[in-house]
Protein backbone atom coordinates (compact mmCIF):
# COMPACT_ATOMS: atom_id res chain seq x y z
CA MET A 1 -105.33 -152.15 -63.65
CA SER A 2 -102.13 -152.27 -61.62
CA ILE A 3 -102.26 -151.99 -57.85
CA LEU A 4 -99.70 -149.18 -58.12
CA TRP A 5 -102.35 -146.60 -59.10
CA PRO A 6 -102.70 -145.20 -55.55
CA LEU A 7 -98.99 -144.39 -55.53
CA ALA A 8 -99.26 -142.73 -58.94
CA LEU A 9 -102.26 -140.72 -57.72
CA PHE A 10 -100.35 -139.64 -54.61
CA ALA A 11 -97.29 -138.73 -56.70
CA GLY A 12 -99.46 -136.49 -58.89
CA SER A 13 -100.90 -134.87 -55.78
CA CYS A 14 -97.38 -134.21 -54.50
CA ILE A 15 -96.49 -132.48 -57.76
CA ALA A 16 -99.52 -130.18 -57.52
CA VAL A 17 -98.79 -129.28 -53.88
CA GLN A 18 -95.06 -128.67 -54.43
CA ALA A 19 -95.82 -126.56 -57.51
CA ALA A 20 -98.18 -124.35 -55.52
CA MET A 21 -95.71 -124.09 -52.63
CA ASN A 22 -92.74 -123.23 -54.83
CA ALA A 23 -94.80 -120.78 -56.88
CA ARG A 24 -95.56 -118.98 -53.61
CA LEU A 25 -91.87 -119.12 -52.71
CA GLY A 26 -91.13 -117.54 -56.09
CA GLN A 27 -93.56 -114.73 -55.31
CA ILE A 28 -92.01 -114.10 -51.90
CA VAL A 29 -88.46 -113.96 -53.27
CA ASN A 30 -89.76 -112.18 -56.40
CA ASN A 31 -88.15 -114.67 -58.77
CA ALA A 32 -89.71 -117.89 -60.08
CA TRP A 33 -86.32 -119.08 -61.38
CA LEU A 34 -84.75 -118.73 -57.93
CA ALA A 35 -87.57 -120.88 -56.54
CA THR A 36 -86.91 -123.36 -59.35
CA GLY A 37 -83.22 -123.45 -58.47
CA TYR A 38 -84.05 -124.07 -54.82
CA ALA A 39 -86.43 -126.90 -55.77
CA PHE A 40 -83.84 -128.62 -57.95
CA LEU A 41 -80.91 -128.11 -55.57
CA SER A 42 -82.79 -129.33 -52.50
CA SER A 43 -84.24 -132.27 -54.48
CA PHE A 44 -80.76 -133.20 -55.70
CA LEU A 45 -79.38 -133.16 -52.16
CA LEU A 46 -82.28 -135.26 -50.89
CA VAL A 47 -81.80 -137.82 -53.67
CA ILE A 48 -78.07 -138.09 -52.88
CA VAL A 49 -78.91 -138.80 -49.22
CA LEU A 50 -81.54 -141.38 -50.24
CA LEU A 51 -79.10 -143.04 -52.66
CA TYR A 52 -76.62 -143.36 -49.85
CA LEU A 53 -79.18 -144.67 -47.35
CA PHE A 54 -80.71 -147.24 -49.69
CA ASN A 55 -77.36 -148.44 -51.00
CA ALA A 56 -75.24 -148.18 -47.84
CA LYS A 57 -75.33 -151.91 -47.06
CA THR A 58 -75.18 -153.28 -50.58
CA ASN A 59 -73.02 -150.55 -52.11
CA THR A 60 -74.61 -151.35 -55.48
CA ILE A 61 -73.67 -148.08 -57.17
CA HIS A 62 -70.35 -148.41 -58.94
CA TRP A 63 -69.79 -145.10 -60.70
CA LEU A 64 -66.89 -146.37 -62.78
CA GLN A 65 -69.05 -149.17 -64.20
CA ILE A 66 -71.77 -146.87 -65.49
CA PRO A 67 -71.41 -146.76 -69.32
CA PHE A 68 -71.59 -142.96 -69.65
CA SER A 69 -70.11 -143.02 -73.15
CA SER A 70 -72.93 -145.23 -74.42
CA ILE A 71 -75.68 -142.90 -73.20
CA PRO A 72 -77.24 -140.97 -76.12
CA TRP A 73 -76.33 -137.28 -75.94
CA TYR A 74 -79.92 -136.08 -76.14
CA LEU A 75 -80.84 -137.84 -72.87
CA TRP A 76 -78.61 -135.37 -71.03
CA LEU A 77 -80.83 -132.54 -72.30
CA SER A 78 -83.82 -133.67 -70.24
CA CYS A 79 -82.68 -131.24 -67.57
CA LEU A 80 -83.52 -128.35 -69.92
CA LEU A 81 -87.07 -129.61 -70.35
CA SER A 82 -87.42 -130.20 -66.64
CA ALA A 83 -86.13 -126.77 -65.63
CA PHE A 84 -88.22 -124.98 -68.27
CA GLY A 85 -91.38 -126.93 -67.42
CA VAL A 86 -91.07 -126.54 -63.66
CA GLY A 87 -89.90 -122.92 -63.77
CA SER A 88 -92.69 -121.99 -66.16
CA MET A 89 -95.27 -123.55 -63.88
CA TYR A 90 -93.93 -121.62 -60.87
CA TRP A 91 -94.17 -118.43 -62.93
CA LEU A 92 -97.64 -119.20 -64.31
CA ILE A 93 -99.38 -120.39 -61.11
CA PRO A 94 -99.59 -116.91 -59.48
CA LYS A 95 -101.00 -115.55 -62.75
CA MET A 96 -103.44 -118.32 -63.68
CA GLY A 97 -104.05 -120.32 -60.50
CA VAL A 98 -102.76 -123.74 -59.56
CA GLY A 99 -105.84 -125.61 -60.83
CA THR A 100 -105.76 -123.95 -64.24
CA VAL A 101 -102.02 -124.44 -64.72
CA MET A 102 -102.10 -128.04 -63.53
CA SER A 103 -105.07 -128.87 -65.80
CA TYR A 104 -103.23 -127.54 -68.85
CA ALA A 105 -99.98 -129.18 -67.75
CA LEU A 106 -101.63 -132.55 -67.19
CA THR A 107 -103.37 -132.38 -70.56
CA GLY A 108 -100.06 -131.58 -72.26
CA GLN A 109 -98.36 -134.41 -70.38
CA LEU A 110 -100.99 -136.97 -71.32
CA ILE A 111 -101.09 -136.02 -75.00
CA MET A 112 -97.28 -136.07 -75.22
CA ALA A 113 -97.20 -139.38 -73.32
CA MET A 114 -99.58 -140.88 -75.88
CA LEU A 115 -97.28 -139.78 -78.71
CA ILE A 116 -94.15 -141.05 -76.94
CA SER A 117 -95.83 -144.42 -76.31
CA HIS A 118 -97.27 -144.64 -79.84
CA PHE A 119 -93.86 -144.16 -81.44
CA ALA A 120 -91.98 -146.00 -78.64
CA LEU A 121 -89.65 -143.04 -78.23
CA PHE A 122 -86.76 -143.35 -75.77
CA GLU A 123 -87.22 -147.14 -75.87
CA SER A 124 -90.49 -146.91 -73.95
CA PRO A 125 -93.03 -149.72 -74.34
CA GLN A 126 -95.08 -149.20 -77.48
CA LYS A 127 -98.79 -148.55 -76.91
CA LEU A 128 -100.44 -147.64 -80.19
CA ILE A 129 -102.97 -144.82 -80.30
CA SER A 130 -106.39 -146.35 -80.85
CA ILE A 131 -109.75 -144.78 -81.57
CA THR A 132 -110.61 -145.31 -77.90
CA LYS A 133 -107.53 -143.37 -76.83
CA LEU A 134 -108.32 -140.59 -79.30
CA ILE A 135 -111.84 -140.32 -77.87
CA GLY A 136 -110.32 -140.24 -74.37
CA ALA A 137 -107.96 -137.45 -75.42
CA LEU A 138 -110.86 -135.52 -76.95
CA LEU A 139 -112.86 -135.94 -73.72
CA LEU A 140 -109.79 -134.78 -71.78
CA ILE A 141 -109.63 -131.62 -73.90
CA ILE A 142 -113.37 -131.06 -73.42
CA GLY A 143 -112.82 -131.53 -69.67
CA LEU A 144 -109.99 -129.00 -69.80
CA VAL A 145 -112.27 -126.44 -71.41
CA LEU A 146 -115.05 -127.12 -68.89
CA LEU A 147 -112.68 -126.98 -65.90
CA ASN A 148 -111.35 -123.61 -66.99
CA LYS A 149 -114.64 -122.04 -68.05
CA ASP A 150 -115.31 -118.95 -65.94
């Protein structure tokens, strides 16, 4: 196992906390999509500042050298998936609870990740689905049911 797992665990924790916070923001402003817009706009501005700070000395970003024309068109549509996924979670959390929404979201993410890896979509490293992984996915689904049993 990689030593990066604590960072991945922390990143997942950050996603759960920010989802709960922005869902509450959506309730206060009475619009989950406005909260989504705030999350994306403020994240964009933060990333621009970080890009500048991390590349200020080396100036390694050369916008004119980025091969935009060779980027497949469908990669530009990831923003639609991101906005729909995040906005839907902000809308669902006040109705279902953060734990319930995150458990379903994580299960969906892991199952889709297995399929993406199995078929090496988007030039990701290929990791074939094995019987062990199928059993793990089945246990994950059983866990999902148990976590959300009232």
